[in-house]
């Protein structure tokens, strides 16, 4: 095999895709693990929202149809449970990620504002 043939064969190798489907390498493993963890996390948050909604429904039923003895839960707590359960059930992991990114942005803004404010205070 001549040097020209080796160089031409090397050019053929670069035409292949970087990660074929079903690849068994570290990058594919970590990418698939991240995707799977996001899916499972979203499903768990949705399940948590469903459980909170069911418990809130049980509390509402006890308050409405109870004979006054089983009314230790307040209407405010039940309303908050319904709101949180509905948000978790409807939003899933995307809702938590949006709240976290909003918190990160707020911390960055507050941190930058404090640095500017400390310049005015002479520190």
PDB file of N, CA and C in Angstrom:
ATOM      1  N   UNK A   1       0.849  -1.164   0.000  1.00  0.00           N
ATOM      2  CA  UNK A   1       0.000   0.000   0.000  1.00  0.00           C
ATOM      3  C   UNK A   1       0.899   1.233   0.000  1.00  0.00           C
ATOM      4  N   UNK A   2       0.625   2.148  -0.892  1.00  0.00           N
ATOM      5  CA  UNK A   2       1.470   3.333  -1.010  1.00  0.00           C
ATOM      6  C   UNK A   2       1.005   4.431  -0.054  1.00  0.00           C
ATOM      7  N   UNK A   3       1.840   5.464   0.046  1.00  0.00           N
ATOM      8  CA  UNK A   3       1.524   6.590   0.925  1.00  0.00           C
ATOM      9  C   UNK A   3       0.276   7.319   0.452  1.00  0.00           C
ATOM     10  N   UNK A   4       0.083   7.410  -0.851  1.00  0.00           N
ATOM     11  CA  UNK A   4      -1.097   8.082  -1.393  1.00  0.00           C
ATOM     12  C   UNK A   4      -2.365   7.331  -0.997  1.00  0.00           C
ATOM     13  N   UNK A   5      -2.328   6.008  -1.020  1.00  0.00           N
ATOM     14  CA  UNK A   5      -3.497   5.210  -0.650  1.00  0.00           C
ATOM     15  C   UNK A   5      -3.823   5.375   0.826  1.00  0.00           C
ATOM     16  N   UNK A   6      -2.795   5.474   1.664  1.00  0.00           N
ATOM     17  CA  UNK A   6      -3.032   5.662   3.103  1.00  0.00           C
ATOM     18  C   UNK A   6      -3.678   7.012   3.361  1.00  0.00           C
ATOM     19  N   UNK A   7      -3.214   8.053   2.680  1.00  0.00           N
ATOM     20  CA  UNK A   7      -3.787   9.393   2.863  1.00  0.00           C
ATOM     21  C   UNK A   7      -5.228   9.420   2.371  1.00  0.00           C
ATOM     22  N   UNK A   8      -5.521   8.749   1.258  1.00  0.00           N
ATOM     23  CA  UNK A   8      -6.890   8.709   0.763  1.00  0.00           C
ATOM     24  C   UNK A   8      -7.784   7.946   1.737  1.00  0.00           C
ATOM     25  N   UNK A   9      -7.289   6.846   2.291  1.00  0.00           N
ATOM     26  CA  UNK A   9      -8.073   6.101   3.276  1.00  0.00           C
ATOM     27  C   UNK A   9      -8.296   6.918   4.546  1.00  0.00           C
ATOM     28  N   UNK A  10      -7.322   7.725   4.945  1.00  0.00           N
ATOM     29  CA  UNK A  10      -7.485   8.590   6.114  1.00  0.00           C
ATOM     30  C   UNK A  10      -8.566   9.626   5.855  1.00  0.00           C
ATOM     31  N   UNK A  11      -8.672  10.116   4.627  1.00  0.00           N
ATOM     32  CA  UNK A  11      -9.738  11.058   4.280  1.00  0.00           C
ATOM     33  C   UNK A  11     -11.101  10.418   4.371  1.00  0.00           C
ATOM     34  N   UNK A  12     -11.186   9.114   4.053  1.00  0.00           N
ATOM     35  CA  UNK A  12     -12.456   8.410   4.151  1.00  0.00           C
ATOM     36  C   UNK A  12     -12.910   8.268   5.604  1.00  0.00           C
ATOM     37  N   UNK A  13     -11.973   8.155   6.523  1.00  0.00           N
ATOM     38  CA  UNK A  13     -12.307   7.985   7.936  1.00  0.00           C
ATOM     39  C   UNK A  13     -12.969   9.239   8.482  1.00  0.00           C
ATOM     40  N   UNK A  14     -12.550  10.412   8.044  1.00  0.00           N
ATOM     41  CA  UNK A  14     -13.113  11.657   8.569  1.00  0.00           C
ATOM     42  C   UNK A  14     -14.526  11.896   8.077  1.00  0.00           C
ATOM     43  N   UNK A  15     -14.977  11.188   7.064  1.00  0.00           N
ATOM     44  CA  UNK A  15     -16.328  11.350   6.558  1.00  0.00           C
ATOM     45  C   UNK A  15     -17.364  10.607   7.412  1.00  0.00           C
ATOM     46  N   UNK A  16     -16.928   9.743   8.301  1.00  0.00           N
ATOM     47  CA  UNK A  16     -17.869   8.995   9.130  1.00  0.00           C
ATOM     48  C   UNK A  16     -18.395   9.887  10.247  1.00  0.00           C
ATOM     49  N   UNK A  17     -19.609   9.659  10.733  1.00  0.00           N
ATOM     50  CA  UNK A  17     -20.142  10.492  11.820  1.00  0.00           C
ATOM     51  C   UNK A  17     -19.341  10.293  13.102  1.00  0.00           C
ATOM     52  N   UNK A  18     -19.308  11.326  13.925  1.00  0.00           N
ATOM     53  CA  UNK A  18     -18.512  11.293  15.155  1.00  0.00           C
ATOM     54  C   UNK A  18     -19.071  10.278  16.147  1.00  0.00           C
ATOM     55  N   UNK A  19     -20.382  10.248  16.336  1.00  0.00           N
ATOM     56  CA  UNK A  19     -21.005   9.317  17.284  1.00  0.00           C
ATOM     57  C   UNK A  19     -22.106   8.534  16.579  1.00  0.00           C
ATOM     58  N   UNK A  20     -21.833   7.313  16.172  1.00  0.00           N
ATOM     59  CA  UNK A  20     -22.887   6.520  15.544  1.00  0.00           C
ATOM     60  C   UNK A  20     -23.954   6.147  16.564  1.00  0.00           C
ATOM     61  N   UNK A  21     -25.122   5.819  16.059  1.00  0.00           N
ATOM     62  CA  UNK A  21     -26.214   5.431  16.938  1.00  0.00           C
ATOM     63  C   UNK A  21     -25.849   4.180  17.727  1.00  0.00           C
ATOM     64  N   UNK A  22     -26.179   4.167  19.000  1.00  0.00           N
ATOM     65  CA  UNK A  22     -25.878   3.024  19.845  1.00  0.00           C
ATOM     66  C   UNK A  22     -24.415   2.903  20.186  1.00  0.00           C
ATOM     67  N   UNK A  23     -23.698   4.000  20.175  1.00  0.00           N
ATOM     68  CA  UNK A  23     -22.260   3.953  20.454  1.00  0.00           C
ATOM     69  C   UNK A  23     -22.015   3.648  21.927  1.00  0.00           C
ATOM     70  N   UNK A  24     -20.929   2.963  22.186  1.00  0.00           N
ATOM     71  CA  UNK A  24     -20.545   2.592  23.558  1.00  0.00           C
ATOM     72  C   UNK A  24     -19.304   3.374  23.953  1.00  0.00           C
ATOM     73  N   UNK A  25     -19.435   4.688  24.003  1.00  0.00           N
ATOM     74  CA  UNK A  25     -18.315   5.503  24.448  1.00  0.00           C
ATOM     75  C   UNK A  25     -18.782   6.386  25.601  1.00  0.00           C
ATOM     76  N   UNK A  26     -17.857   7.059  26.236  1.00  0.00           N
ATOM     77  CA  UNK A  26     -18.146   7.837  27.434  1.00  0.00           C
ATOM     78  C   UNK A  26     -19.067   9.013  27.142  1.00  0.00           C
ATOM     79  N   UNK A  27     -18.882   9.671  26.010  1.00  0.00           N
ATOM     80  CA  UNK A  27     -19.718  10.834  25.675  1.00  0.00           C
ATOM     81  C   UNK A  27     -21.168  10.408  25.470  1.00  0.00           C
ATOM     82  N   UNK A  28     -21.378   9.335  24.744  1.00  0.00           N
ATOM     83  CA  UNK A  28     -22.741   8.841  24.533  1.00  0.00           C
ATOM     84  C   UNK A  28     -23.371   8.404  25.846  1.00  0.00           C
ATOM     85  N   UNK A  29     -22.589   7.742  26.676  1.00  0.00           N
ATOM     86  CA  UNK A  29     -23.099   7.288  27.969  1.00  0.00           C
ATOM     87  C   UNK A  29     -23.549   8.464  28.825  1.00  0.00           C
ATOM     88  N   UNK A  30     -22.719   9.497  28.914  1.00  0.00           N
ATOM     89  CA  UNK A  30     -23.068  10.648  29.749  1.00  0.00           C
ATOM     90  C   UNK A  30     -24.237  11.437  29.161  1.00  0.00           C
ATOM     91  N   UNK A  31     -24.292  11.547  27.848  1.00  0.00           N
ATOM     92  CA  UNK A  31     -25.408  12.236  27.205  1.00  0.00           C
ATOM     93  C   UNK A  31     -26.716  11.490  27.463  1.00  0.00           C
ATOM     94  N   UNK A  32     -26.701  10.183  27.276  1.00  0.00           N
ATOM     95  CA  UNK A  32     -27.907   9.386  27.503  1.00  0.00           C
ATOM     96  C   UNK A  32     -28.298   9.393  28.970  1.00  0.00           C
ATOM     97  N   UNK A  33     -27.316   9.370  29.873  1.00  0.00           N
ATOM     98  CA  UNK A  33     -27.614   9.400  31.304  1.00  0.00           C
ATOM     99  C   UNK A  33     -28.263  10.716  31.692  1.00  0.00           C
ATOM    100  N   UNK A  34     -27.758  11.816  31.157  1.00  0.00           N
ATOM    101  CA  UNK A  34     -28.341  13.124  31.445  1.00  0.00           C
ATOM    102  C   UNK A  34     -29.771  13.208  30.930  1.00  0.00           C
ATOM    103  N   UNK A  35     -30.003  12.737  29.727  1.00  0.00           N
ATOM    104  CA  UNK A  35     -31.357  12.750  29.166  1.00  0.00           C
ATOM    105  C   UNK A  35     -32.301  11.889  29.996  1.00  0.00           C
ATOM    106  N   UNK A  36     -31.846  10.710  30.386  1.00  0.00           N
ATOM    107  CA  UNK A  36     -32.682   9.792  31.158  1.00  0.00           C
ATOM    108  C   UNK A  36     -32.971  10.360  32.547  1.00  0.00           C
ATOM    109  N   UNK A  37     -31.960  10.964  33.178  1.00  0.00           N
ATOM    110  CA  UNK A  37     -32.166  11.557  34.506  1.00  0.00           C
ATOM    111  C   UNK A  37     -33.160  12.708  34.431  1.00  0.00           C
ATOM    112  N   UNK A  38     -33.102  13.495  33.379  1.00  0.00           N
ATOM    113  CA  UNK A  38     -34.083  14.569  33.199  1.00  0.00           C
ATOM    114  C   UNK A  38     -35.486  14.032  33.020  1.00  0.00           C
ATOM    115  N   UNK A  39     -35.616  12.953  32.271  1.00  0.00           N
ATOM    116  CA  UNK A  39     -36.934  12.337  32.064  1.00  0.00           C
ATOM    117  C   UNK A  39     -37.482  11.772  33.367  1.00  0.00           C
ATOM    118  N   UNK A  40     -36.657  11.038  34.096  1.00  0.00           N
ATOM    119  CA  UNK A  40     -37.097  10.426  35.350  1.00  0.00           C
ATOM    120  C   UNK A  40     -37.399  11.512  36.385  1.00  0.00           C
ATOM    121  N   UNK A  41     -36.553  12.552  36.450  1.00  0.00           N
ATOM    122  CA  UNK A  41     -36.804  13.654  37.381  1.00  0.00           C
ATOM    123  C   UNK A  41     -38.117  14.348  37.084  1.00  0.00           C
ATOM    124  N   UNK A  42     -38.390  14.581  35.811  1.00  0.00           N
ATOM    125  CA  UNK A  42     -39.662  15.197  35.423  1.00  0.00           C
ATOM    126  C   UNK A  42     -40.848  14.329  35.784  1.00  0.00           C
ATOM    127  N   UNK A  43     -40.706  13.034  35.587  1.00  0.00           N
ATOM    128  CA  UNK A  43     -41.792  12.116  35.944  1.00  0.00           C
ATOM    129  C   UNK A  43     -42.019  12.102  37.455  1.00  0.00           C
ATOM    130  N   UNK A  44     -40.946  12.156  38.240  1.00  0.00           N
ATOM    131  CA  UNK A  44     -41.101  12.168  39.696  1.00  0.00           C
ATOM    132  C   UNK A  44     -41.741  13.459  40.196  1.00  0.00           C
ATOM    133  N   UNK A  45     -41.376  14.593  39.595  1.00  0.00           N
ATOM    134  CA  UNK A  45     -42.000  15.867  39.986  1.00  0.00           C
ATOM    135  C   UNK A  45     -43.478  15.856  39.614  1.00  0.00           C
ATOM    136  N   UNK A  46     -43.815  15.316  38.456  1.00  0.00           N
ATOM    137  CA  UNK A  46     -45.214  15.208  38.051  1.00  0.00           C
ATOM    138  C   UNK A  46     -45.980  14.288  38.996  1.00  0.00           C
ATOM    139  N   UNK A  47     -45.373  13.181  39.380  1.00  0.00           N
ATOM    140  CA  UNK A  47     -46.004  12.263  40.330  1.00  0.00           C
ATOM    141  C   UNK A  47     -46.204  12.933  41.688  1.00  0.00           C
ATOM    142  N   UNK A  48     -45.209  13.698  42.138  1.00  0.00           N
ATOM    143  CA  UNK A  48     -45.340  14.436  43.394  1.00  0.00           C
ATOM    144  C   UNK A  48     -46.506  15.417  43.315  1.00  0.00           C
ATOM    145  N   UNK A  49     -46.646  16.113  42.188  1.00  0.00           N
ATOM    146  CA  UNK A  49     -47.773  17.025  42.005  1.00  0.00           C
ATOM    147  C   UNK A  49     -49.104  16.306  42.063  1.00  0.00           C
ATOM    148  N   UNK A  50     -49.186  15.135  41.466  1.00  0.00           N
ATOM    149  CA  UNK A  50     -50.420  14.356  41.506  1.00  0.00           C
ATOM    150  C   UNK A  50     -50.752  13.920  42.929  1.00  0.00           C
ATOM    151  N   UNK A  51     -49.737  13.504  43.678  1.00  0.00           N
ATOM    152  CA  UNK A  51     -49.963  13.080  45.069  1.00  0.00           C
ATOM    153  C   UNK A  51     -50.436  14.257  45.911  1.00  0.00           C
ATOM    154  N   UNK A  52     -49.833  15.428  45.726  1.00  0.00           N
ATOM    155  CA  UNK A  52     -50.253  16.607  46.481  1.00  0.00           C
ATOM    156  C   UNK A  52     -51.695  16.972  46.144  1.00  0.00           C
ATOM    157  N   UNK A  53     -52.066  16.883  44.873  1.00  0.00           N
ATOM    158  CA  UNK A  53     -53.456  17.173  44.478  1.00  0.00           C
ATOM    159  C   UNK A  53     -54.431  16.187  45.099  1.00  0.00           C
ATOM    160  N   UNK A  54     -54.065  14.919  45.143  1.00  0.00           N
ATOM    161  CA  UNK A  54     -54.955  13.909  45.734  1.00  0.00           C
ATOM    162  C   UNK A  54     -55.121  14.160  47.233  1.00  0.00           C
ATOM    163  N   UNK A  55     -54.023  14.452  47.930  1.00  0.00           N
ATOM    164  CA  UNK A  55     -54.103  14.721  49.368  1.00  0.00           C
ATOM    165  C   UNK A  55     -54.935  15.973  49.627  1.00  0.00           C
ATOM    166  N   UNK A  56     -54.765  17.007  48.806  1.00  0.00           N
ATOM    167  CA  UNK A  56     -55.570  18.218  48.959  1.00  0.00           C
ATOM    168  C   UNK A  56     -57.050  17.916  48.725  1.00  0.00           C
ATOM    169  N   UNK A  57     -57.341  17.062  47.762  1.00  0.00           N
ATOM    170  CA  UNK A  57     -58.728  16.666  47.524  1.00  0.00           C
ATOM    171  C   UNK A  57     -59.323  15.913  48.703  1.00  0.00           C
ATOM    172  N   UNK A  58     -58.517  15.071  49.335  1.00  0.00           N
ATOM    173  CA  UNK A  58     -58.983  14.350  50.524  1.00  0.00           C
ATOM    174  C   UNK A  58     -59.268  15.330  51.654  1.00  0.00           C
ATOM    175  N   UNK A  59     -58.376  16.324  51.832  1.00  0.00           N
ATOM    176  CA  UNK A  59     -58.588  17.321  52.886  1.00  0.00           C
ATOM    177  C   UNK A  59     -59.846  18.150  52.632  1.00  0.00           C
ATOM    178  N   UNK A  60     -60.088  18.520  51.371  1.00  0.00           N
ATOM    179  CA  UNK A  60     -61.293  19.279  51.033  1.00  0.00           C
ATOM    180  C   UNK A  60     -62.530  18.441  51.336  1.00  0.00           C
ATOM    181  N   UNK A  61     -62.495  17.183  50.960  1.00  0.00           N
ATOM    182  CA  UNK A  61     -63.634  16.298  51.212  1.00  0.00           C
ATOM    183  C   UNK A  61     -63.888  16.143  52.706  1.00  0.00           C
ATOM    184  N   UNK A  62     -62.830  15.985  53.488  1.00  0.00           N
ATOM    185  CA  UNK A  62     -62.989  15.865  54.941  1.00  0.00           C
ATOM    186  C   UNK A  62     -63.555  17.142  55.539  1.00  0.00           C
ATOM    187  N   UNK A  63     -63.097  18.292  55.040  1.00  0.00           N
ATOM    188  CA  UNK A  63     -63.595  19.559  55.569  1.00  0.00           C
ATOM    189  C   UNK A  63     -65.050  19.791  55.196  1.00  0.00           C
ATOM    190  N   UNK A  64     -65.422  19.452  53.980  1.00  0.00           N
ATOM    191  CA  UNK A  64     -66.796  19.704  53.542  1.00  0.00           C
ATOM    192  C   UNK A  64     -67.786  18.705  54.119  1.00  0.00           C
ATOM    193  N   UNK A  65     -67.402  17.453  54.184  1.00  0.00           N
ATOM    194  CA  UNK A  65     -68.348  16.422  54.601  1.00  0.00           C
ATOM    195  C   UNK A  65     -68.087  15.898  55.997  1.00  0.00           C
ATOM    196  N   UNK A  66     -67.075  16.429  56.675  1.00  0.00           N
ATOM    197  CA  UNK A  66     -66.787  15.998  58.038  1.00  0.00           C
ATOM    198  C   UNK A  66     -67.800  16.600  59.007  1.00  0.00           C
ATOM    199  N   UNK A  67     -67.849  16.042  60.173  1.00  0.00           N
ATOM    200  CA  UNK A  67     -68.810  16.533  61.158  1.00  0.00           C
ATOM    201  C   UNK A  67     -68.173  17.539  62.125  1.00  0.00           C
ATOM    202  N   UNK A  68     -67.092  18.162  61.705  1.00  0.00           N
ATOM    203  CA  UNK A  68     -66.459  19.175  62.533  1.00  0.00           C
ATOM    204  C   UNK A  68     -65.289  18.668  63.340  1.00  0.00           C
ATOM    205  N   UNK A  69     -65.086  17.374  63.402  1.00  0.00           N
ATOM    206  CA  UNK A  69     -63.993  16.826  64.193  1.00  0.00           C
ATOM    207  C   UNK A  69     -62.698  16.728  63.383  1.00  0.00           C
ATOM    208  N   UNK A  70     -62.781  16.517  62.101  1.00  0.00           N
ATOM    209  CA  UNK A  70     -61.604  16.295  61.260  1.00  0.00           C
ATOM    210  C   UNK A  70     -61.213  17.556  60.488  1.00  0.00           C
ATOM    211  N   UNK A  71     -61.355  18.721  61.072  1.00  0.00           N
ATOM    212  CA  UNK A  71     -61.094  19.958  60.349  1.00  0.00           C
ATOM    213  C   UNK A  71     -59.850  20.662  60.874  1.00  0.00           C
ATOM    214  N   UNK A  72     -58.750  19.948  61.040  1.00  0.00           N
ATOM    215  CA  UNK A  72     -57.534  20.565  61.547  1.00  0.00           C
ATOM    216  C   UNK A  72     -56.747  21.302  60.469  1.00  0.00           C
ATOM    217  N   UNK A  73     -57.013  21.059  59.202  1.00  0.00           N
ATOM    218  CA  UNK A  73     -56.303  21.723  58.109  1.00  0.00           C
ATOM    219  C   UNK A  73     -57.054  22.996  57.723  1.00  0.00           C
ATOM    220  N   UNK A  74     -56.291  24.074  57.503  1.00  0.00           N
ATOM    221  CA  UNK A  74     -56.925  25.341  57.137  1.00  0.00           C
ATOM    222  C   UNK A  74     -57.184  25.390  55.632  1.00  0.00           C
ATOM    223  N   UNK A  75     -58.102  26.256  55.247  1.00  0.00           N
ATOM    224  CA  UNK A  75     -58.404  26.425  53.837  1.00  0.00           C
ATOM    225  C   UNK A  75     -57.214  27.021  53.088  1.00  0.00           C
ATOM    226  N   UNK A  76     -56.438  27.845  53.763  1.00  0.00           N
ATOM    227  CA  UNK A  76     -55.265  28.450  53.118  1.00  0.00           C
ATOM    228  C   UNK A  76     -54.246  27.372  52.758  1.00  0.00           C
ATOM    229  N   UNK A  77     -54.002  26.454  53.697  1.00  0.00           N
ATOM    230  CA  UNK A  77     -53.054  25.381  53.415  1.00  0.00           C
ATOM    231  C   UNK A  77     -53.554  24.494  52.272  1.00  0.00           C
ATOM    232  N   UNK A  78     -54.835  24.228  52.245  1.00  0.00           N
ATOM    233  CA  UNK A  78     -55.403  23.404  51.171  1.00  0.00           C
ATOM    234  C   UNK A  78     -55.264  24.125  49.831  1.00  0.00           C
ATOM    235  N   UNK A  79     -55.507  25.441  49.806  1.00  0.00           N
ATOM    236  CA  UNK A  79     -55.380  26.207  48.562  1.00  0.00           C
ATOM    237  C   UNK A  79     -53.931  26.213  48.080  1.00  0.00           C
ATOM    238  N   UNK A  80     -52.982  26.358  49.008  1.00  0.00           N
ATOM    239  CA  UNK A  80     -51.568  26.324  48.628  1.00  0.00           C
ATOM    240  C   UNK A  80     -51.200  24.945  48.091  1.00  0.00           C
ATOM    241  N   UNK A  81     -51.716  23.895  48.709  1.00  0.00           N
ATOM    242  CA  UNK A  81     -51.447  22.540  48.215  1.00  0.00           C
ATOM    243  C   UNK A  81     -51.993  22.348  46.804  1.00  0.00           C
ATOM    244  N   UNK A  82     -53.175  22.885  46.550  1.00  0.00           N
ATOM    245  CA  UNK A  82     -53.762  22.750  45.215  1.00  0.00           C
ATOM    246  C   UNK A  82     -52.930  23.523  44.192  1.00  0.00           C
ATOM    247  N   UNK A  83     -52.478  24.731  44.564  1.00  0.00           N
ATOM    248  CA  UNK A  83     -51.657  25.511  43.636  1.00  0.00           C
ATOM    249  C   UNK A  83     -50.311  24.839  43.361  1.00  0.00           C
ATOM    250  N   UNK A  84     -49.626  24.403  44.419  1.00  0.00           N
ATOM    251  CA  UNK A  84     -48.331  23.741  44.222  1.00  0.00           C
ATOM    252  C   UNK A  84     -48.482  22.413  43.489  1.00  0.00           C
ATOM    253  N   UNK A  85     -49.471  21.627  43.878  1.00  0.00           N
ATOM    254  CA  UNK A  85     -49.691  20.347  43.206  1.00  0.00           C
ATOM    255  C   UNK A  85     -50.000  20.519  41.741  1.00  0.00           C
ATOM    256  N   UNK A  86     -50.832  21.518  41.417  1.00  0.00           N
ATOM    257  CA  UNK A  86     -51.149  21.790  40.017  1.00  0.00           C
ATOM    258  C   UNK A  86     -49.938  22.271  39.237  1.00  0.00           C
ATOM    259  N   UNK A  87     -49.117  23.109  39.882  1.00  0.00           N
ATOM    260  CA  UNK A  87     -47.903  23.600  39.203  1.00  0.00           C
ATOM    261  C   UNK A  87     -46.927  22.459  38.958  1.00  0.00           C
ATOM    262  N   UNK A  88     -46.710  21.621  39.964  1.00  0.00           N
ATOM    263  CA  UNK A  88     -45.803  20.485  39.780  1.00  0.00           C
ATOM    264  C   UNK A  88     -46.354  19.494  38.763  1.00  0.00           C
ATOM    265  N   UNK A  89     -47.654  19.246  38.821  1.00  0.00           N
ATOM    266  CA  UNK A  89     -48.262  18.288  37.908  1.00  0.00           C
ATOM    267  C   UNK A  89     -48.219  18.807  36.467  1.00  0.00           C
ATOM    268  N   UNK A  90     -48.497  20.081  36.287  1.00  0.00           N
ATOM    269  CA  UNK A  90     -48.519  20.647  34.939  1.00  0.00           C
ATOM    270  C   UNK A  90     -47.150  21.023  34.419  1.00  0.00           C
ATOM    271  N   UNK A  91     -46.271  21.503  35.303  1.00  0.00           N
ATOM    272  CA  UNK A  91     -44.978  22.000  34.859  1.00  0.00           C
ATOM    273  C   UNK A  91     -43.880  20.977  34.864  1.00  0.00           C
ATOM    274  N   UNK A  92     -43.908  20.077  35.820  1.00  0.00           N
ATOM    275  CA  UNK A  92     -42.873  19.055  35.913  1.00  0.00           C
ATOM    276  C   UNK A  92     -41.503  19.647  36.176  1.00  0.00           C
ATOM    277  N   UNK A  93     -40.498  19.022  35.615  1.00  0.00           N
ATOM    278  CA  UNK A  93     -39.114  19.441  35.826  1.00  0.00           C
ATOM    279  C   UNK A  93     -38.820  20.779  35.155  1.00  0.00           C
ATOM    280  N   UNK A  94     -39.524  21.094  34.078  1.00  0.00           N
ATOM    281  CA  UNK A  94     -39.299  22.372  33.391  1.00  0.00           C
ATOM    282  C   UNK A  94     -39.625  23.548  34.314  1.00  0.00           C
ATOM    283  N   UNK A  95     -40.665  23.411  35.123  1.00  0.00           N
ATOM    284  CA  UNK A  95     -41.027  24.466  36.070  1.00  0.00           C
ATOM    285  C   UNK A  95     -39.916  24.677  37.088  1.00  0.00           C
ATOM    286  N   UNK A  96     -39.385  23.607  37.627  1.00  0.00           N
ATOM    287  CA  UNK A  96     -38.323  23.721  38.627  1.00  0.00           C
ATOM    288  C   UNK A  96     -37.069  24.323  37.998  1.00  0.00           C
ATOM    289  N   UNK A  97     -36.750  23.946  36.773  1.00  0.00           N
ATOM    290  CA  UNK A  97     -35.588  24.513  36.097  1.00  0.00           C
ATOM    291  C   UNK A  97     -35.772  26.004  35.834  1.00  0.00           C
ATOM    292  N   UNK A  98     -36.998  26.438  35.479  1.00  0.00           N
ATOM    293  CA  UNK A  98     -37.248  27.857  35.260  1.00  0.00           C
ATOM    294  C   UNK A  98     -37.107  28.642  36.556  1.00  0.00           C
ATOM    295  N   UNK A  99     -37.631  28.104  37.655  1.00  0.00           N
ATOM    296  CA  UNK A  99     -37.513  28.777  38.944  1.00  0.00           C
ATOM    297  C   UNK A  99     -36.047  28.861  39.359  1.00  0.00           C
ATOM    298  N   UNK A 100     -35.312  27.796  39.153  1.00  0.00           N
ATOM    299  CA  UNK A 100     -33.891  27.797  39.511  1.00  0.00           C
ATOM    300  C   UNK A 100     -33.102  28.785  38.664  1.00  0.00           C
ATOM    301  N   UNK A 101     -33.380  28.860  37.374  1.00  0.00           N
ATOM    302  CA  UNK A 101     -32.660  29.810  36.527  1.00  0.00           C
ATOM    303  C   UNK A 101     -33.035  31.246  36.882  1.00  0.00           C
ATOM    304  N   UNK A 102     -34.288  31.471  37.270  1.00  0.00           N
ATOM    305  CA  UNK A 102     -34.688  32.801  37.727  1.00  0.00           C
ATOM    306  C   UNK A 102     -33.979  33.172  39.017  1.00  0.00           C
ATOM    307  N   UNK A 103     -33.819  32.217  39.913  1.00  0.00           N
ATOM    308  CA  UNK A 103     -33.084  32.453  41.153  1.00  0.00           C
ATOM    309  C   UNK A 103     -31.622  32.750  40.873  1.00  0.00           C
ATOM    310  N   UNK A 104     -31.040  32.050  39.917  1.00  0.00           N
ATOM    311  CA  UNK A 104     -29.644  32.288  39.561  1.00  0.00           C
ATOM    312  C   UNK A 104     -29.477  33.705  39.016  1.00  0.00           C
ATOM    313  N   UNK A 105     -30.396  34.121  38.159  1.00  0.00           N
ATOM    314  CA  UNK A 105     -30.325  35.469  37.588  1.00  0.00           C
ATOM    315  C   UNK A 105     -30.486  36.524  38.674  1.00  0.00           C
ATOM    316  N   UNK A 106     -31.393  36.290  39.618  1.00  0.00           N
ATOM    317  CA  UNK A 106     -31.588  37.237  40.718  1.00  0.00           C
ATOM    318  C   UNK A 106     -30.338  37.342  41.572  1.00  0.00           C
ATOM    319  N   UNK A 107     -29.704  36.227  41.855  1.00  0.00           N
ATOM    320  CA  UNK A 107     -28.482  36.244  42.656  1.00  0.00           C
ATOM    321  C   UNK A 107     -27.376  37.005  41.920  1.00  0.00           C
ATOM    322  N   UNK A 108     -27.273  36.803  40.615  1.00  0.00           N
ATOM    323  CA  UNK A 108     -26.261  37.534  39.843  1.00  0.00           C
ATOM    324  C   UNK A 108     -26.544  39.037  39.868  1.00  0.00           C
ATOM    325  N   UNK A 109     -27.829  39.412  39.716  1.00  0.00           N
ATOM    326  CA  UNK A 109     -28.177  40.829  39.740  1.00  0.00           C
ATOM    327  C   UNK A 109     -27.936  41.438  41.114  1.00  0.00           C
ATOM    328  N   UNK A 110     -28.298  40.726  42.156  1.00  0.00           N
ATOM    329  CA  UNK A 110     -28.080  41.233  43.510  1.00  0.00           C
ATOM    330  C   UNK A 110     -26.588  41.333  43.811  1.00  0.00           C
ATOM    331  N   UNK A 111     -25.836  40.362  43.370  1.00  0.00           N
ATOM    332  CA  UNK A 111     -24.397  40.399  43.582  1.00  0.00           C
ATOM    333  C   UNK A 111     -23.764  41.573  42.871  1.00  0.00           C
ATOM    334  N   UNK A 112     -24.159  41.818  41.627  1.00  0.00           N
ATOM    335  CA  UNK A 112     -23.634  42.959  40.882  1.00  0.00           C
ATOM    336  C   UNK A 112     -24.071  44.275  41.491  1.00  0.00           C
ATOM    337  N   UNK A 113     -25.315  44.331  41.951  1.00  0.00           N
ATOM    338  CA  UNK A 113     -25.807  45.548  42.593  1.00  0.00           C
ATOM    339  C   UNK A 113     -25.088  45.825  43.888  1.00  0.00           C
ATOM    340  N   UNK A 114     -24.760  44.783  44.630  1.00  0.00           N
ATOM    341  CA  UNK A 114     -24.056  44.988  45.899  1.00  0.00           C
ATOM    342  C   UNK A 114     -22.653  45.505  45.647  1.00  0.00           C
ATOM    343  N   UNK A 115     -22.014  45.026  44.605  1.00  0.00           N
ATOM    344  CA  UNK A 115     -20.664  45.498  44.294  1.00  0.00           C
ATOM    345  C   UNK A 115     -20.709  46.977  43.912  1.00  0.00           C
ATOM    346  N   UNK A 116     -21.700  47.370  43.111  1.00  0.00           N
ATOM    347  CA  UNK A 116     -21.831  48.786  42.740  1.00  0.00           C
ATOM    348  C   UNK A 116     -22.159  49.616  43.972  1.00  0.00           C
ATOM    349  N   UNK A 117     -23.061  49.121  44.825  1.00  0.00           N
ATOM    350  CA  UNK A 117     -23.441  49.833  46.039  1.00  0.00           C
ATOM    351  C   UNK A 117     -22.261  49.969  46.989  1.00  0.00           C
ATOM    352  N   UNK A 118     -21.438  48.942  47.104  1.00  0.00           N
ATOM    353  CA  UNK A 118     -20.296  49.018  47.994  1.00  0.00           C
ATOM    354  C   UNK A 118     -19.279  50.038  47.497  1.00  0.00           C
ATOM    355  N   UNK A 119     -19.236  50.304  46.197  1.00  0.00           N
ATOM    356  CA  UNK A 119     -18.366  51.357  45.671  1.00  0.00           C
ATOM    357  C   UNK A 119     -18.820  52.730  46.128  1.00  0.00           C
ATOM    358  N   UNK A 120     -20.134  52.923  46.248  1.00  0.00           N
ATOM    359  CA  UNK A 120     -20.647  54.201  46.734  1.00  0.00           C
ATOM    360  C   UNK A 120     -20.448  54.362  48.238  1.00  0.00           C
ATOM    361  N   UNK A 121     -20.420  53.256  48.952  1.00  0.00           N
ATOM    362  CA  UNK A 121     -20.254  53.317  50.396  1.00  0.00           C
ATOM    363  C   UNK A 121     -18.798  53.496  50.794  1.00  0.00           C
ATOM    364  N   UNK A 122     -17.882  53.368  49.867  1.00  0.00           N
ATOM    365  CA  UNK A 122     -16.472  53.568  50.158  1.00  0.00           C
ATOM    366  C   UNK A 122     -15.785  52.346  50.715  1.00  0.00           C
ATOM    367  N   UNK A 123     -16.308  51.183  50.482  1.00  0.00           N
ATOM    368  CA  UNK A 123     -15.687  49.949  50.977  1.00  0.00           C
ATOM    369  C   UNK A 123     -14.946  49.247  49.893  1.00  0.00           C
TER     370      UNK A 123
END
